[in-house]
Amino acid sequence: MNVDLPVSTWISVTALGSVGVMGPVALIVAAWLAVGYRWKYAGAWLALLGAASSLVALSKIAFIGWGIGVRHLDFTGISGHALMSTAVLPVAIFVALLPARGTIRALGVAFGLLLGVWVGVSRVVLDAHSVSEVVAGCALGAAVALAFVWFAWRAESGKLAPTPVAASLAAVVVALHGMPVPTQHWITEIALGLSGHERPYVRASWKSKAFRAPERRTELSPDERAAA
């Protein structure tokens, strides 16, 4: 997928959707909800995002460990960047704008969704994910965001001014942008540990006609374990 922007720009865009940025932003959002509104909103937000994140992790573990995917769609797991950006950004803007009128809040949510989709596009441009994986991530993230917005739409307004909320969220994004978090390595280790395979399934070989599944780890004998 070719889009007429410098690669460095797309790398900067994609970094916005990393767990290292969106995770802390999601926690700050939960903190503002708990402090300024009610704990039930913070709990609902974290539960929705946690459930969706677990689904992403499971889809990746299923492919890396067992090669479970959809070849004709080039689908090997839901894009985590797409999920996090389309879920967290609309909700962060929504919480900052809760004291505002409904029209302004709705526009803020729409803008957040567009930002999230932009992050998703960057994943395709950089060949980090296929279109199907990004579409799945964006759809799941949007579902999380819209479900929470619907749930919290009538939250009592006026307890928090938009400026400190927006400033704290922006500060987190700026401070953590580009900070690496080895989530893929962790997921790979979990998948290999559960499946018992020596090597992970890889997209390129998985799609090949000459594909061979990774071998399973062999148990060492007591003498071999002692010598290891």
C-alpha atoms as a PDB file:
ATOM      1  CA  MET A   1       0.000   0.000   0.000  1.00  0.00           C
ATOM      2  CA  ASN A   2       1.568   3.263  -1.154  1.00  0.00           C
ATOM      3  CA  VAL A   3       0.562   6.592   0.382  1.00  0.00           C
ATOM      4  CA  ASP A   4       2.364   9.777  -0.553  1.00  0.00           C
ATOM      5  CA  LEU A   5       3.885  10.613   2.831  1.00  0.00           C
ATOM      6  CA  PRO A   6       7.458  10.130   4.070  1.00  0.00           C
ATOM      7  CA  VAL A   7       8.121   6.840   5.839  1.00  0.00           C
ATOM      8  CA  SER A   8       9.263   8.781   8.905  1.00  0.00           C
ATOM      9  CA  THR A   9       5.811  10.359   9.116  1.00  0.00           C
ATOM     10  CA  TRP A  10       4.088   6.979   9.022  1.00  0.00           C
ATOM     11  CA  ILE A  11       6.454   5.639  11.665  1.00  0.00           C
ATOM     12  CA  SER A  12       5.541   8.588  13.895  1.00  0.00           C
ATOM     13  CA  VAL A  13       1.829   7.970  13.292  1.00  0.00           C
ATOM     14  CA  THR A  14       2.079   4.251  14.010  1.00  0.00           C
ATOM     15  CA  ALA A  15       4.001   4.921  17.247  1.00  0.00           C
ATOM     16  CA  LEU A  16       0.947   6.767  18.560  1.00  0.00           C
ATOM     17  CA  GLY A  17      -1.009   3.510  18.670  1.00  0.00           C
ATOM     18  CA  SER A  18       1.552   1.484  20.610  1.00  0.00           C
ATOM     19  CA  VAL A  19       0.711  -0.026  23.972  1.00  0.00           C
ATOM     20  CA  GLY A  20       3.491   2.089  25.462  1.00  0.00           C
ATOM     21  CA  VAL A  21       1.472   5.220  24.654  1.00  0.00           C
ATOM     22  CA  MET A  22      -2.167   4.153  24.544  1.00  0.00           C
ATOM     23  CA  GLY A  23      -1.932   1.971  27.666  1.00  0.00           C
ATOM     24  CA  PRO A  24      -0.939   4.847  29.988  1.00  0.00           C
ATOM     25  CA  VAL A  25      -3.452   7.151  28.280  1.00  0.00           C
ATOM     26  CA  ALA A  26      -6.187   4.588  28.963  1.00  0.00           C
ATOM     27  CA  LEU A  27      -5.178   4.443  32.637  1.00  0.00           C
ATOM     28  CA  ILE A  28      -5.172   8.249  32.924  1.00  0.00           C
ATOM     29  CA  VAL A  29      -8.655   8.287  31.400  1.00  0.00           C
ATOM     30  CA  ALA A  30      -9.792   5.755  34.004  1.00  0.00           C
ATOM     31  CA  ALA A  31      -8.250   7.865  36.779  1.00  0.00           C
ATOM     32  CA  TRP A  32     -10.064  11.006  35.637  1.00  0.00           C
ATOM     33  CA  LEU A  33     -13.335   9.082  35.433  1.00  0.00           C
ATOM     34  CA  ALA A  34     -12.877   7.745  38.955  1.00  0.00           C
ATOM     35  CA  VAL A  35     -11.887  11.117  40.426  1.00  0.00           C
ATOM     36  CA  GLY A  36     -14.258  13.380  38.545  1.00  0.00           C
ATOM     37  CA  TYR A  37     -17.268  11.193  37.927  1.00  0.00           C
ATOM     38  CA  ARG A  38     -18.004   7.720  39.271  1.00  0.00           C
ATOM     39  CA  TRP A  39     -15.994   4.549  39.766  1.00  0.00           C
ATOM     40  CA  LYS A  40     -18.461   2.567  37.664  1.00  0.00           C
ATOM     41  CA  TYR A  41     -17.397   4.485  34.573  1.00  0.00           C
ATOM     42  CA  ALA A  42     -13.718   3.782  35.220  1.00  0.00           C
ATOM     43  CA  GLY A  43     -14.488   0.110  35.802  1.00  0.00           C
ATOM     44  CA  ALA A  44     -16.607  -0.185  32.663  1.00  0.00           C
ATOM     45  CA  TRP A  45     -13.918   1.468  30.569  1.00  0.00           C
ATOM     46  CA  LEU A  46     -11.124  -0.786  31.805  1.00  0.00           C
ATOM     47  CA  ALA A  47     -13.309  -3.889  31.473  1.00  0.00           C
ATOM     48  CA  LEU A  48     -14.233  -3.122  27.866  1.00  0.00           C
ATOM     49  CA  LEU A  49     -10.665  -2.325  26.853  1.00  0.00           C
ATOM     50  CA  GLY A  50      -9.284  -5.309  28.771  1.00  0.00           C
ATOM     51  CA  ALA A  51     -11.697  -7.713  27.082  1.00  0.00           C
ATOM     52  CA  ALA A  52     -10.848  -6.382  23.624  1.00  0.00           C
ATOM     53  CA  SER A  53      -7.097  -6.467  24.330  1.00  0.00           C
ATOM     54  CA  SER A  54      -7.404 -10.075  25.478  1.00  0.00           C
ATOM     55  CA  LEU A  55      -9.121 -10.946  22.207  1.00  0.00           C
ATOM     56  CA  VAL A  56      -6.247  -9.367  20.274  1.00  0.00           C
ATOM     57  CA  ALA A  57      -3.679 -11.301  22.301  1.00  0.00           C
ATOM     58  CA  LEU A  58      -5.555 -14.579  21.861  1.00  0.00           C
ATOM     59  CA  SER A  59      -5.802 -14.109  18.099  1.00  0.00           C
ATOM     60  CA  LYS A  60      -2.035 -13.560  17.891  1.00  0.00           C
ATOM     61  CA  ILE A  61      -1.228 -16.456  20.200  1.00  0.00           C
ATOM     62  CA  ALA A  62      -3.444 -18.724  18.097  1.00  0.00           C
ATOM     63  CA  PHE A  63      -1.478 -17.890  14.964  1.00  0.00           C
ATOM     64  CA  ILE A  64       2.043 -17.767  16.419  1.00  0.00           C
ATOM     65  CA  GLY A  65       1.573 -20.989  18.358  1.00  0.00           C
ATOM     66  CA  TRP A  66      -0.676 -23.047  16.085  1.00  0.00           C
ATOM     67  CA  GLY A  67      -0.894 -21.258  12.733  1.00  0.00           C
ATOM     68  CA  ILE A  68      -4.584 -20.467  13.139  1.00  0.00           C
ATOM     69  CA  GLY A  69      -5.509 -17.751  10.657  1.00  0.00           C
ATOM     70  CA  VAL A  70      -7.353 -17.074   7.401  1.00  0.00           C
ATOM     71  CA  ARG A  71      -5.012 -17.420   4.429  1.00  0.00           C
ATOM     72  CA  HIS A  72      -7.252 -15.968   1.728  1.00  0.00           C
ATOM     73  CA  LEU A  73      -7.686 -12.828   3.842  1.00  0.00           C
ATOM     74  CA  ASP A  74      -4.025 -12.749   4.898  1.00  0.00           C
ATOM     75  CA  PHE A  75      -5.271 -12.672   8.496  1.00  0.00           C
ATOM     76  CA  THR A  76      -2.880 -13.742  11.253  1.00  0.00           C
ATOM     77  CA  GLY A  77      -4.256 -11.771  14.205  1.00  0.00           C
ATOM     78  CA  ILE A  78      -6.082  -8.565  15.111  1.00  0.00           C
ATOM     79  CA  SER A  79      -3.941  -5.423  14.922  1.00  0.00           C
ATOM     80  CA  GLY A  80      -3.241  -4.213  18.443  1.00  0.00           C
ATOM     81  CA  HIS A  81      -2.236  -0.732  17.288  1.00  0.00           C
ATOM     82  CA  ALA A  82      -5.522  -0.362  15.408  1.00  0.00           C
ATOM     83  CA  LEU A  83      -7.507  -1.591  18.391  1.00  0.00           C
ATOM     84  CA  MET A  84      -5.788   0.622  20.954  1.00  0.00           C
ATOM     85  CA  SER A  85      -5.888   3.795  18.872  1.00  0.00           C
ATOM     86  CA  THR A  86      -9.527   3.505  17.797  1.00  0.00           C
ATOM     87  CA  ALA A  87     -10.621   2.563  21.318  1.00  0.00           C
ATOM     88  CA  VAL A  88      -8.533   4.922  23.452  1.00  0.00           C
ATOM     89  CA  LEU A  89      -8.329   8.125  21.417  1.00  0.00           C
ATOM     90  CA  PRO A  90     -12.114   8.657  21.008  1.00  0.00           C
ATOM     91  CA  VAL A  91     -12.734   7.904  24.685  1.00  0.00           C
ATOM     92  CA  ALA A  92      -9.894  10.171  25.839  1.00  0.00           C
ATOM     93  CA  ILE A  93     -11.325  13.070  23.817  1.00  0.00           C
ATOM     94  CA  PHE A  94     -14.837  12.241  25.006  1.00  0.00           C
ATOM     95  CA  VAL A  95     -13.828  12.329  28.668  1.00  0.00           C
ATOM     96  CA  ALA A  96     -12.017  15.624  28.195  1.00  0.00           C
ATOM     97  CA  LEU A  97     -15.161  17.060  26.554  1.00  0.00           C
ATOM     98  CA  LEU A  98     -17.741  15.593  28.957  1.00  0.00           C
ATOM     99  CA  PRO A  99     -18.656  19.039  30.363  1.00  0.00           C
ATOM    100  CA  ALA A 100     -19.284  20.313  26.818  1.00  0.00           C
ATOM    101  CA  ARG A 101     -22.467  20.138  24.773  1.00  0.00           C
ATOM    102  CA  GLY A 102     -23.475  16.862  23.170  1.00  0.00           C
ATOM    103  CA  THR A 103     -22.681  18.044  19.640  1.00  0.00           C
ATOM    104  CA  ILE A 104     -19.128  18.960  20.600  1.00  0.00           C
ATOM    105  CA  ARG A 105     -18.641  15.642  22.369  1.00  0.00           C
ATOM    106  CA  ALA A 106     -19.907  13.741  19.327  1.00  0.00           C
ATOM    107  CA  LEU A 107     -17.541  15.644  17.033  1.00  0.00           C
ATOM    108  CA  GLY A 108     -14.664  14.884  19.405  1.00  0.00           C
ATOM    109  CA  VAL A 109     -15.468  11.172  19.349  1.00  0.00           C
ATOM    110  CA  ALA A 110     -15.652  11.207  15.552  1.00  0.00           C
ATOM    111  CA  PHE A 111     -12.284  12.971  15.361  1.00  0.00           C
ATOM    112  CA  GLY A 112     -10.774  10.393  17.721  1.00  0.00           C
ATOM    113  CA  LEU A 113     -12.081   7.559  15.561  1.00  0.00           C
ATOM    114  CA  LEU A 114     -10.535   9.154  12.473  1.00  0.00           C
ATOM    115  CA  LEU A 115      -7.193   9.435  14.272  1.00  0.00           C
ATOM    116  CA  GLY A 116      -7.439   5.777  15.230  1.00  0.00           C
ATOM    117  CA  VAL A 117      -8.166   4.732  11.660  1.00  0.00           C
ATOM    118  CA  TRP A 118      -5.175   6.812  10.526  1.00  0.00           C
ATOM    119  CA  VAL A 119      -2.970   4.816  12.881  1.00  0.00           C
ATOM    120  CA  GLY A 120      -4.480   1.662  11.409  1.00  0.00           C
ATOM    121  CA  VAL A 121      -3.652   2.822   7.880  1.00  0.00           C
ATOM    122  CA  SER A 122      -0.052   3.386   8.959  1.00  0.00           C
ATOM    123  CA  ARG A 123       0.214  -0.285   9.923  1.00  0.00           C
ATOM    124  CA  VAL A 124      -0.711  -1.318   6.395  1.00  0.00           C
ATOM    125  CA  VAL A 125       1.578   1.263   4.797  1.00  0.00           C
ATOM    126  CA  LEU A 126       4.507   0.006   6.872  1.00  0.00           C
ATOM    127  CA  ASP A 127       3.653  -3.646   6.067  1.00  0.00           C
ATOM    128  CA  ALA A 128       3.201  -4.410   9.746  1.00  0.00           C
ATOM    129  CA  HIS A 129      -0.310  -5.762   9.179  1.00  0.00           C
ATOM    130  CA  SER A 130      -2.631  -6.762   6.368  1.00  0.00           C
ATOM    131  CA  VAL A 131      -5.772  -4.817   5.534  1.00  0.00           C
ATOM    132  CA  SER A 132      -7.990  -7.487   7.104  1.00  0.00           C
ATOM    133  CA  GLU A 133      -6.058  -7.353  10.384  1.00  0.00           C
ATOM    134  CA  VAL A 134      -6.304  -3.567  10.555  1.00  0.00           C
ATOM    135  CA  VAL A 135     -10.000  -3.565   9.666  1.00  0.00           C
ATOM    136  CA  ALA A 136     -10.619  -6.076  12.448  1.00  0.00           C
ATOM    137  CA  GLY A 137      -8.654  -3.956  14.925  1.00  0.00           C
ATOM    138  CA  CYS A 138     -10.379  -0.722  13.945  1.00  0.00           C
ATOM    139  CA  ALA A 139     -13.820  -2.338  14.091  1.00  0.00           C
ATOM    140  CA  LEU A 140     -13.154  -3.829  17.522  1.00  0.00           C
ATOM    141  CA  GLY A 141     -11.678  -0.595  18.846  1.00  0.00           C
ATOM    142  CA  ALA A 142     -14.565   1.478  17.517  1.00  0.00           C
ATOM    143  CA  ALA A 143     -17.027  -0.943  19.115  1.00  0.00           C
ATOM    144  CA  VAL A 144     -15.279  -0.523  22.485  1.00  0.00           C
ATOM    145  CA  ALA A 145     -15.204   3.274  22.188  1.00  0.00           C
ATOM    146  CA  LEU A 146     -18.813   3.639  21.073  1.00  0.00           C
ATOM    147  CA  ALA A 147     -20.059   1.200  23.702  1.00  0.00           C
ATOM    148  CA  PHE A 148     -18.367   3.192  26.441  1.00  0.00           C
ATOM    149  CA  VAL A 149     -19.528   6.540  25.040  1.00  0.00           C
ATOM    150  CA  TRP A 150     -23.089   5.247  24.965  1.00  0.00           C
ATOM    151  CA  PHE A 151     -22.776   4.012  28.555  1.00  0.00           C
ATOM    152  CA  ALA A 152     -21.250   7.232  29.905  1.00  0.00           C
ATOM    153  CA  TRP A 153     -23.055   9.770  27.717  1.00  0.00           C
ATOM    154  CA  ARG A 154     -25.300  10.956  30.545  1.00  0.00           C
ATOM    155  CA  ALA A 155     -22.550  11.136  33.161  1.00  0.00           C
ATOM    156  CA  GLU A 156     -23.035  14.173  35.383  1.00  0.00           C
ATOM    157  CA  SER A 157     -21.124  16.967  33.695  1.00  0.00           C
ATOM    158  CA  GLY A 158     -19.204  19.888  35.120  1.00  0.00           C
ATOM    159  CA  LYS A 159     -17.077  18.055  37.697  1.00  0.00           C
ATOM    160  CA  LEU A 160     -13.927  18.356  35.629  1.00  0.00           C
ATOM    161  CA  ALA A 161     -12.782  21.212  33.425  1.00  0.00           C
ATOM    162  CA  PRO A 162     -11.619  20.107  29.954  1.00  0.00           C
ATOM    163  CA  THR A 163      -8.234  21.860  30.172  1.00  0.00           C
ATOM    164  CA  PRO A 164      -6.510  19.818  32.925  1.00  0.00           C
ATOM    165  CA  VAL A 165      -7.831  16.545  31.508  1.00  0.00           C
ATOM    166  CA  ALA A 166      -6.702  17.355  27.972  1.00  0.00           C
ATOM    167  CA  ALA A 167      -3.352  18.698  29.198  1.00  0.00           C
ATOM    168  CA  SER A 168      -2.573  15.563  31.208  1.00  0.00           C
ATOM    169  CA  LEU A 169      -3.472  13.275  28.313  1.00  0.00           C
ATOM    170  CA  ALA A 170      -1.422  15.307  25.843  1.00  0.00           C
ATOM    171  CA  ALA A 171       1.548  15.288  28.223  1.00  0.00           C
ATOM    172  CA  VAL A 172       1.451  11.497  28.454  1.00  0.00           C
ATOM    173  CA  VAL A 173       1.320  11.148  24.657  1.00  0.00           C
ATOM    174  CA  VAL A 174       4.263  13.511  24.147  1.00  0.00           C
ATOM    175  CA  ALA A 175       6.348  11.995  26.940  1.00  0.00           C
ATOM    176  CA  LEU A 176       5.842   8.357  25.915  1.00  0.00           C
ATOM    177  CA  HIS A 177       5.608   8.664  22.120  1.00  0.00           C
ATOM    178  CA  GLY A 178       8.070   6.263  20.534  1.00  0.00           C
ATOM    179  CA  MET A 179       8.808   4.344  23.729  1.00  0.00           C
ATOM    180  CA  PRO A 180       9.179   0.650  22.777  1.00  0.00           C
ATOM    181  CA  VAL A 181       7.266  -2.050  24.635  1.00  0.00           C
ATOM    182  CA  PRO A 182       8.126  -5.653  23.594  1.00  0.00           C
ATOM    183  CA  THR A 183       4.544  -6.922  23.541  1.00  0.00           C
ATOM    184  CA  GLN A 184       5.135  -9.032  20.416  1.00  0.00           C
ATOM    185  CA  HIS A 185       8.086 -10.775  22.098  1.00  0.00           C
ATOM    186  CA  TRP A 186       5.993 -11.511  25.183  1.00  0.00           C
ATOM    187  CA  ILE A 187       3.125 -12.874  23.100  1.00  0.00           C
ATOM    188  CA  THR A 188       5.523 -15.027  21.090  1.00  0.00           C
ATOM    189  CA  GLU A 189       7.057 -16.490  24.251  1.00  0.00           C
ATOM    190  CA  ILE A 190       3.602 -17.293  25.624  1.00  0.00           C
ATOM    191  CA  ALA A 191       2.493 -18.862  22.328  1.00  0.00           C
ATOM    192  CA  LEU A 192       5.593 -21.059  22.070  1.00  0.00           C
ATOM    193  CA  GLY A 193       5.303 -22.067  25.700  1.00  0.00           C
ATOM    194  CA  LEU A 194       1.687 -23.127  25.265  1.00  0.00           C
ATOM    195  CA  SER A 195       2.069 -24.823  21.886  1.00  0.00           C
ATOM    196  CA  GLY A 196       5.400 -26.510  22.573  1.00  0.00           C
ATOM    197  CA  HIS A 197       6.766 -25.518  19.167  1.00  0.00           C
ATOM    198  CA  GLU A 198      10.411 -24.610  18.755  1.00  0.00           C
ATOM    199  CA  ARG A 199       9.697 -21.768  16.344  1.00  0.00           C
ATOM    200  CA  PRO A 200       6.709 -19.476  15.806  1.00  0.00           C
ATOM    201  CA  TYR A 201       4.488 -19.601  12.754  1.00  0.00           C
ATOM    202  CA  VAL A 202       5.514 -16.778  10.384  1.00  0.00           C
ATOM    203  CA  ARG A 203       3.253 -15.103   7.827  1.00  0.00           C
ATOM    204  CA  ALA A 204       5.534 -15.512   4.778  1.00  0.00           C
ATOM    205  CA  SER A 205       6.132 -19.257   5.200  1.00  0.00           C
ATOM    206  CA  TRP A 206       2.545 -19.843   6.358  1.00  0.00           C
ATOM    207  CA  LYS A 207       1.245 -18.433   3.066  1.00  0.00           C
ATOM    208  CA  SER A 208       3.759 -20.419   1.003  1.00  0.00           C
ATOM    209  CA  LYS A 209       2.671 -23.483  -0.948  1.00  0.00           C
ATOM    210  CA  ALA A 210       5.736 -25.274   0.428  1.00  0.00           C
ATOM    211  CA  PHE A 211       4.711 -24.506   4.008  1.00  0.00           C
ATOM    212  CA  ARG A 212       5.893 -26.838   6.766  1.00  0.00           C
ATOM    213  CA  ALA A 213       4.653 -26.489  10.336  1.00  0.00           C
ATOM    214  CA  PRO A 214       7.304 -25.766  12.996  1.00  0.00           C
ATOM    215  CA  GLU A 215       8.560 -28.805  14.868  1.00  0.00           C
ATOM    216  CA  ARG A 216       7.516 -29.368  18.427  1.00  0.00           C
ATOM    217  CA  ARG A 217      10.064 -29.140  21.214  1.00  0.00           C
ATOM    218  CA  THR A 218      11.459 -32.502  22.253  1.00  0.00           C
ATOM    219  CA  GLU A 219      11.705 -33.427  25.887  1.00  0.00           C
ATOM    220  CA  LEU A 220      15.263 -33.832  27.140  1.00  0.00           C
ATOM    221  CA  SER A 221      16.292 -37.003  28.911  1.00  0.00           C
ATOM    222  CA  PRO A 222      17.451 -36.706  32.555  1.00  0.00           C
ATOM    223  CA  ASP A 223      21.095 -37.052  31.393  1.00  0.00           C
ATOM    224  CA  GLU A 224      20.640 -34.329  28.759  1.00  0.00           C
ATOM    225  CA  ARG A 225      18.968 -32.004  31.268  1.00  0.00           C
ATOM    226  CA  ALA A 226      21.859 -32.533  33.671  1.00  0.00           C
ATOM    227  CA  ALA A 227      24.377 -31.733  30.960  1.00  0.00           C
ATOM    228  CA  ALA A 228      22.511 -28.653  29.761  1.00  0.00           C
END
